[in-house]
N, C-alpha and C. Protein backbone atom coordinates (compact mmCIF):
# COMPACT_ATOMS: atom_id res chain seq x y z
N MET A 1 -82.26 15.82 -26.01
CA MET A 1 -81.97 17.16 -26.59
C MET A 1 -80.46 17.24 -26.78
N THR A 2 -80.00 17.60 -27.88
CA THR A 2 -78.55 17.83 -28.18
C THR A 2 -78.38 19.24 -28.30
N THR A 3 -77.16 19.78 -27.97
CA THR A 3 -76.80 21.12 -28.15
C THR A 3 -75.53 21.13 -28.95
N ASP A 4 -75.11 22.40 -29.35
CA ASP A 4 -73.89 22.54 -30.13
C ASP A 4 -72.74 22.96 -29.19
N THR A 5 -72.77 22.41 -28.07
CA THR A 5 -71.71 22.74 -27.04
C THR A 5 -71.07 21.55 -26.57
N LEU A 6 -69.72 21.72 -26.16
CA LEU A 6 -68.92 20.60 -25.70
C LEU A 6 -68.18 20.97 -24.43
N ILE A 7 -67.79 20.02 -23.68
CA ILE A 7 -66.80 20.19 -22.67
C ILE A 7 -65.57 19.37 -23.16
N LEU A 8 -64.40 20.00 -23.14
CA LEU A 8 -63.14 19.38 -23.47
C LEU A 8 -62.38 19.21 -22.20
N LEU A 9 -61.74 18.01 -22.00
CA LEU A 9 -60.90 17.75 -20.81
C LEU A 9 -59.51 17.68 -21.34
N CYS A 10 -58.63 18.38 -20.56
CA CYS A 10 -57.20 18.31 -20.94
C CYS A 10 -56.39 18.53 -19.65
N THR A 11 -55.43 17.60 -19.46
CA THR A 11 -54.50 17.76 -18.29
C THR A 11 -53.25 18.48 -18.66
N CYS A 12 -52.74 19.21 -17.72
CA CYS A 12 -51.46 20.04 -17.89
C CYS A 12 -50.45 19.68 -16.79
N PRO A 13 -49.20 19.83 -17.08
CA PRO A 13 -48.17 19.43 -16.05
C PRO A 13 -48.11 20.31 -14.82
N ASP A 14 -48.55 21.58 -14.97
CA ASP A 14 -48.46 22.46 -13.72
C ASP A 14 -49.41 23.67 -13.95
N ASP A 15 -49.51 24.48 -12.85
CA ASP A 15 -50.40 25.62 -12.92
C ASP A 15 -50.03 26.65 -13.94
N THR A 16 -48.72 26.83 -14.18
CA THR A 16 -48.22 27.87 -15.16
C THR A 16 -48.72 27.47 -16.55
N VAL A 17 -48.46 26.28 -16.98
CA VAL A 17 -48.98 25.86 -18.31
C VAL A 17 -50.50 25.90 -18.39
N ALA A 18 -51.22 25.48 -17.34
CA ALA A 18 -52.65 25.52 -17.33
C ALA A 18 -53.15 27.02 -17.45
N ALA A 19 -52.60 27.86 -16.67
CA ALA A 19 -52.97 29.31 -16.74
C ALA A 19 -52.69 29.88 -18.14
N ASN A 20 -51.51 29.65 -18.67
CA ASN A 20 -51.24 30.18 -20.08
C ASN A 20 -52.14 29.64 -21.12
N LEU A 21 -52.40 28.22 -21.10
CA LEU A 21 -53.26 27.69 -22.09
C LEU A 21 -54.75 28.27 -21.92
N SER A 22 -55.15 28.39 -20.66
CA SER A 22 -56.54 28.93 -20.45
C SER A 22 -56.70 30.37 -21.01
N THR A 23 -55.70 31.20 -20.66
CA THR A 23 -55.80 32.59 -21.07
C THR A 23 -55.81 32.66 -22.67
N GLN A 24 -54.87 31.91 -23.24
CA GLN A 24 -54.76 32.02 -24.73
C GLN A 24 -56.01 31.51 -25.44
N LEU A 25 -56.56 30.46 -24.94
CA LEU A 25 -57.78 29.79 -25.58
C LEU A 25 -58.97 30.73 -25.44
N VAL A 26 -59.16 31.35 -24.23
CA VAL A 26 -60.24 32.19 -24.05
C VAL A 26 -59.98 33.59 -24.89
N GLU A 27 -58.85 34.14 -24.76
CA GLU A 27 -58.58 35.36 -25.63
C GLU A 27 -58.78 35.13 -27.11
N GLN A 28 -58.49 33.93 -27.59
CA GLN A 28 -58.66 33.64 -29.04
C GLN A 28 -60.11 33.38 -29.41
N GLY A 29 -61.01 33.27 -28.39
CA GLY A 29 -62.46 32.97 -28.66
C GLY A 29 -62.65 31.49 -28.96
N LEU A 30 -61.77 30.65 -28.62
CA LEU A 30 -61.87 29.18 -28.82
C LEU A 30 -62.61 28.52 -27.68
N ALA A 31 -62.63 29.19 -26.50
CA ALA A 31 -63.26 28.61 -25.26
C ALA A 31 -63.99 29.83 -24.63
N ALA A 32 -65.19 29.48 -24.13
CA ALA A 32 -65.98 30.52 -23.40
C ALA A 32 -65.48 30.61 -21.97
N CYS A 33 -65.17 29.52 -21.34
CA CYS A 33 -64.72 29.48 -19.93
C CYS A 33 -63.87 28.22 -19.81
N ILE A 34 -62.86 28.34 -18.92
CA ILE A 34 -62.05 27.16 -18.58
C ILE A 34 -61.87 27.11 -17.09
N ASN A 35 -62.26 26.03 -16.50
CA ASN A 35 -62.01 25.77 -15.05
C ASN A 35 -60.73 25.06 -14.88
N ARG A 36 -59.84 25.36 -13.83
CA ARG A 36 -58.60 24.65 -13.61
C ARG A 36 -58.66 24.07 -12.20
N PHE A 37 -58.31 22.75 -12.20
CA PHE A 37 -58.30 22.03 -10.87
C PHE A 37 -56.94 21.52 -10.66
N SER A 38 -56.27 22.10 -9.68
CA SER A 38 -54.90 21.67 -9.33
C SER A 38 -54.88 20.49 -8.38
N GLY A 39 -53.75 19.78 -8.38
CA GLY A 39 -53.46 18.73 -7.40
C GLY A 39 -54.11 17.40 -7.83
N LEU A 40 -54.48 17.25 -9.06
CA LEU A 40 -55.00 15.96 -9.63
C LEU A 40 -53.83 14.99 -9.65
N THR A 41 -54.08 13.81 -9.22
CA THR A 41 -53.04 12.73 -9.39
C THR A 41 -53.44 11.81 -10.51
N SER A 42 -52.50 11.56 -11.49
CA SER A 42 -52.73 10.76 -12.58
C SER A 42 -51.85 9.58 -12.48
N VAL A 43 -52.42 8.35 -12.78
CA VAL A 43 -51.68 7.17 -12.84
C VAL A 43 -51.87 6.57 -14.28
N TYR A 44 -50.83 6.20 -14.92
CA TYR A 44 -50.94 5.83 -16.32
C TYR A 44 -49.69 5.00 -16.71
N LYS A 45 -49.74 4.31 -17.82
CA LYS A 45 -48.66 3.67 -18.41
C LYS A 45 -48.26 4.39 -19.67
N TRP A 46 -46.95 4.77 -19.75
CA TRP A 46 -46.43 5.53 -20.89
C TRP A 46 -45.13 4.78 -21.33
N GLN A 47 -45.17 4.44 -22.64
CA GLN A 47 -44.03 3.79 -23.26
C GLN A 47 -43.58 2.48 -22.39
N GLY A 48 -44.56 1.83 -21.95
CA GLY A 48 -44.31 0.59 -21.26
C GLY A 48 -43.97 0.73 -19.76
N GLU A 49 -43.92 1.93 -19.23
CA GLU A 49 -43.54 2.10 -17.85
C GLU A 49 -44.71 2.78 -17.11
N MET A 50 -44.91 2.22 -15.82
CA MET A 50 -45.93 2.86 -15.04
C MET A 50 -45.47 4.26 -14.55
N LYS A 51 -46.36 5.24 -14.62
CA LYS A 51 -46.08 6.56 -14.18
C LYS A 51 -47.12 7.11 -13.28
N SER A 52 -46.77 8.01 -12.44
CA SER A 52 -47.71 8.71 -11.50
C SER A 52 -47.22 10.12 -11.25
N GLY A 53 -48.09 11.07 -11.23
CA GLY A 53 -47.71 12.36 -11.03
C GLY A 53 -48.90 13.35 -10.90
N THR A 54 -48.60 14.56 -10.34
CA THR A 54 -49.69 15.59 -10.25
C THR A 54 -49.83 16.35 -11.50
N GLU A 55 -51.10 16.69 -11.81
CA GLU A 55 -51.36 17.55 -12.96
C GLU A 55 -52.44 18.46 -12.61
N VAL A 56 -52.77 19.27 -13.59
CA VAL A 56 -53.83 20.29 -13.48
C VAL A 56 -54.87 19.92 -14.53
N GLN A 57 -56.16 19.71 -14.07
CA GLN A 57 -57.20 19.30 -15.08
C GLN A 57 -57.90 20.61 -15.53
N LEU A 58 -57.95 20.74 -16.90
CA LEU A 58 -58.72 21.85 -17.52
C LEU A 58 -60.14 21.29 -17.90
N ILE A 59 -61.14 21.95 -17.59
CA ILE A 59 -62.44 21.70 -18.06
C ILE A 59 -62.85 22.93 -18.93
N ILE A 60 -62.89 22.71 -20.22
CA ILE A 60 -63.03 23.74 -21.22
C ILE A 60 -64.44 23.69 -21.83
N LYS A 61 -65.19 24.80 -21.75
CA LYS A 61 -66.47 24.90 -22.43
C LYS A 61 -66.32 25.59 -23.83
N THR A 62 -66.84 24.98 -24.77
CA THR A 62 -66.73 25.48 -26.17
C THR A 62 -67.93 25.05 -26.99
N SER A 63 -67.93 25.66 -28.22
CA SER A 63 -68.98 25.21 -29.17
C SER A 63 -68.35 24.16 -30.12
N THR A 64 -69.24 23.33 -30.68
CA THR A 64 -68.75 22.36 -31.65
C THR A 64 -68.11 23.12 -32.85
N ALA A 65 -68.56 24.23 -33.20
CA ALA A 65 -68.02 25.08 -34.34
C ALA A 65 -66.58 25.41 -34.09
N ALA A 66 -66.24 25.63 -32.86
CA ALA A 66 -64.86 26.10 -32.53
C ALA A 66 -63.96 24.89 -32.11
N SER A 67 -64.58 23.70 -31.96
CA SER A 67 -63.79 22.60 -31.33
C SER A 67 -62.60 22.18 -32.16
N ASP A 68 -62.70 22.13 -33.51
CA ASP A 68 -61.57 21.64 -34.26
C ASP A 68 -60.39 22.62 -34.17
N ARG A 69 -60.60 23.96 -34.24
CA ARG A 69 -59.61 24.97 -34.05
C ARG A 69 -59.08 24.90 -32.59
N LEU A 70 -59.86 24.68 -31.61
CA LEU A 70 -59.45 24.55 -30.28
C LEU A 70 -58.52 23.35 -30.11
N ILE A 71 -58.91 22.23 -30.60
CA ILE A 71 -58.05 21.02 -30.51
C ILE A 71 -56.75 21.28 -31.24
N ASP A 72 -56.71 21.91 -32.45
CA ASP A 72 -55.50 22.18 -33.13
C ASP A 72 -54.59 23.08 -32.28
N GLU A 73 -55.16 24.11 -31.67
CA GLU A 73 -54.35 25.05 -30.87
C GLU A 73 -53.87 24.38 -29.58
N LEU A 74 -54.64 23.50 -28.96
CA LEU A 74 -54.20 22.71 -27.77
C LEU A 74 -52.92 21.93 -28.25
N GLN A 75 -53.03 21.19 -29.31
CA GLN A 75 -51.96 20.37 -29.76
C GLN A 75 -50.70 21.17 -30.05
N ARG A 76 -50.91 22.39 -30.60
CA ARG A 76 -49.72 23.33 -30.92
C ARG A 76 -49.10 23.86 -29.69
N LEU A 77 -49.89 24.25 -28.67
CA LEU A 77 -49.36 24.91 -27.47
C LEU A 77 -48.92 23.98 -26.41
N HIS A 78 -49.45 22.78 -26.35
CA HIS A 78 -49.35 21.88 -25.18
C HIS A 78 -47.92 21.31 -25.15
N PRO A 79 -47.33 21.25 -23.93
CA PRO A 79 -45.92 20.71 -23.88
C PRO A 79 -45.84 19.22 -23.95
N TYR A 80 -46.95 18.52 -23.70
CA TYR A 80 -46.87 17.03 -23.81
C TYR A 80 -46.80 16.53 -25.20
N GLU A 81 -46.07 15.42 -25.34
CA GLU A 81 -45.97 14.76 -26.62
C GLU A 81 -47.36 14.23 -27.03
N LEU A 82 -48.17 13.77 -26.11
CA LEU A 82 -49.52 13.21 -26.39
C LEU A 82 -50.53 13.74 -25.33
N PRO A 83 -50.96 15.02 -25.60
CA PRO A 83 -51.87 15.62 -24.57
C PRO A 83 -53.26 14.97 -24.56
N GLU A 84 -53.76 14.89 -23.37
CA GLU A 84 -55.15 14.46 -23.24
C GLU A 84 -56.08 15.53 -23.78
N ILE A 85 -56.86 15.20 -24.74
CA ILE A 85 -57.81 16.15 -25.26
C ILE A 85 -59.10 15.26 -25.60
N ILE A 86 -60.07 15.31 -24.74
CA ILE A 86 -61.24 14.55 -24.77
C ILE A 86 -62.52 15.41 -24.84
N ALA A 87 -63.31 15.32 -25.89
CA ALA A 87 -64.55 16.12 -26.05
C ALA A 87 -65.77 15.32 -25.55
N VAL A 88 -66.53 15.92 -24.72
CA VAL A 88 -67.83 15.34 -24.24
C VAL A 88 -68.97 16.30 -24.71
N PRO A 89 -69.90 15.74 -25.32
CA PRO A 89 -71.03 16.59 -25.69
C PRO A 89 -71.91 16.99 -24.53
N ILE A 90 -72.39 18.30 -24.51
CA ILE A 90 -73.31 18.71 -23.52
C ILE A 90 -74.66 18.45 -24.12
N THR A 91 -75.47 17.58 -23.50
CA THR A 91 -76.72 17.22 -24.05
C THR A 91 -77.85 18.17 -23.60
N THR A 92 -77.75 18.74 -22.48
CA THR A 92 -78.71 19.67 -21.94
C THR A 92 -78.05 20.56 -20.92
N GLY A 93 -78.75 21.64 -20.60
CA GLY A 93 -78.24 22.54 -19.62
C GLY A 93 -79.07 23.76 -19.57
N TYR A 94 -78.65 24.79 -18.85
CA TYR A 94 -79.36 26.04 -18.75
C TYR A 94 -79.20 26.81 -20.03
N GLY A 95 -80.22 27.01 -20.68
CA GLY A 95 -80.30 27.61 -22.09
C GLY A 95 -79.43 28.87 -22.22
N PRO A 96 -79.63 29.86 -21.31
CA PRO A 96 -78.87 31.11 -21.46
C PRO A 96 -77.32 30.93 -21.34
N TYR A 97 -76.99 29.95 -20.50
CA TYR A 97 -75.56 29.68 -20.36
C TYR A 97 -74.98 29.01 -21.63
N LEU A 98 -75.74 28.05 -22.21
CA LEU A 98 -75.29 27.43 -23.47
C LEU A 98 -75.28 28.39 -24.54
N GLU A 99 -76.15 29.35 -24.65
CA GLU A 99 -76.18 30.38 -25.58
C GLU A 99 -74.94 31.24 -25.47
N TRP A 100 -74.56 31.56 -24.26
CA TRP A 100 -73.40 32.36 -23.93
C TRP A 100 -72.12 31.67 -24.51
N ILE A 101 -72.06 30.33 -24.28
CA ILE A 101 -70.81 29.60 -24.81
C ILE A 101 -70.91 29.75 -26.32
N GLN A 102 -71.96 29.65 -26.98
CA GLN A 102 -72.06 29.75 -28.53
C GLN A 102 -71.60 31.18 -28.90
N GLU A 103 -72.13 32.09 -28.21
CA GLU A 103 -71.78 33.55 -28.57
C GLU A 103 -70.29 33.83 -28.35
N SER A 104 -69.72 33.17 -27.31
CA SER A 104 -68.38 33.57 -26.95
C SER A 104 -67.33 32.76 -27.88
N THR A 105 -67.77 31.77 -28.54
CA THR A 105 -66.88 30.96 -29.34
C THR A 105 -67.17 30.94 -30.85
N SER A 106 -67.94 31.91 -31.32
CA SER A 106 -68.26 31.98 -32.76
C SER A 106 -67.20 32.64 -33.55
């Protein structure tokens, strides 16, 4: 079963940025719900150098219909030069919750 809902993953540099992004995206109707997880440690290579730091992970629930606008807005608002924006399709779940995501992001 496929649905018209997605989870987008996006990391932020701190709680302030994560809270601001979350509020704006939900207020604009681009996301139904966003969970924020603080204290995430990321290890990555950027411009040839090893990096490590703490970040805040956003788990964003949205509809496929709103996803392009959501990605555009994340790119516009995000302070990173290259923000992590990864979409994962929701293939199944509790029907009324998935319907709520659709209604909240139309």
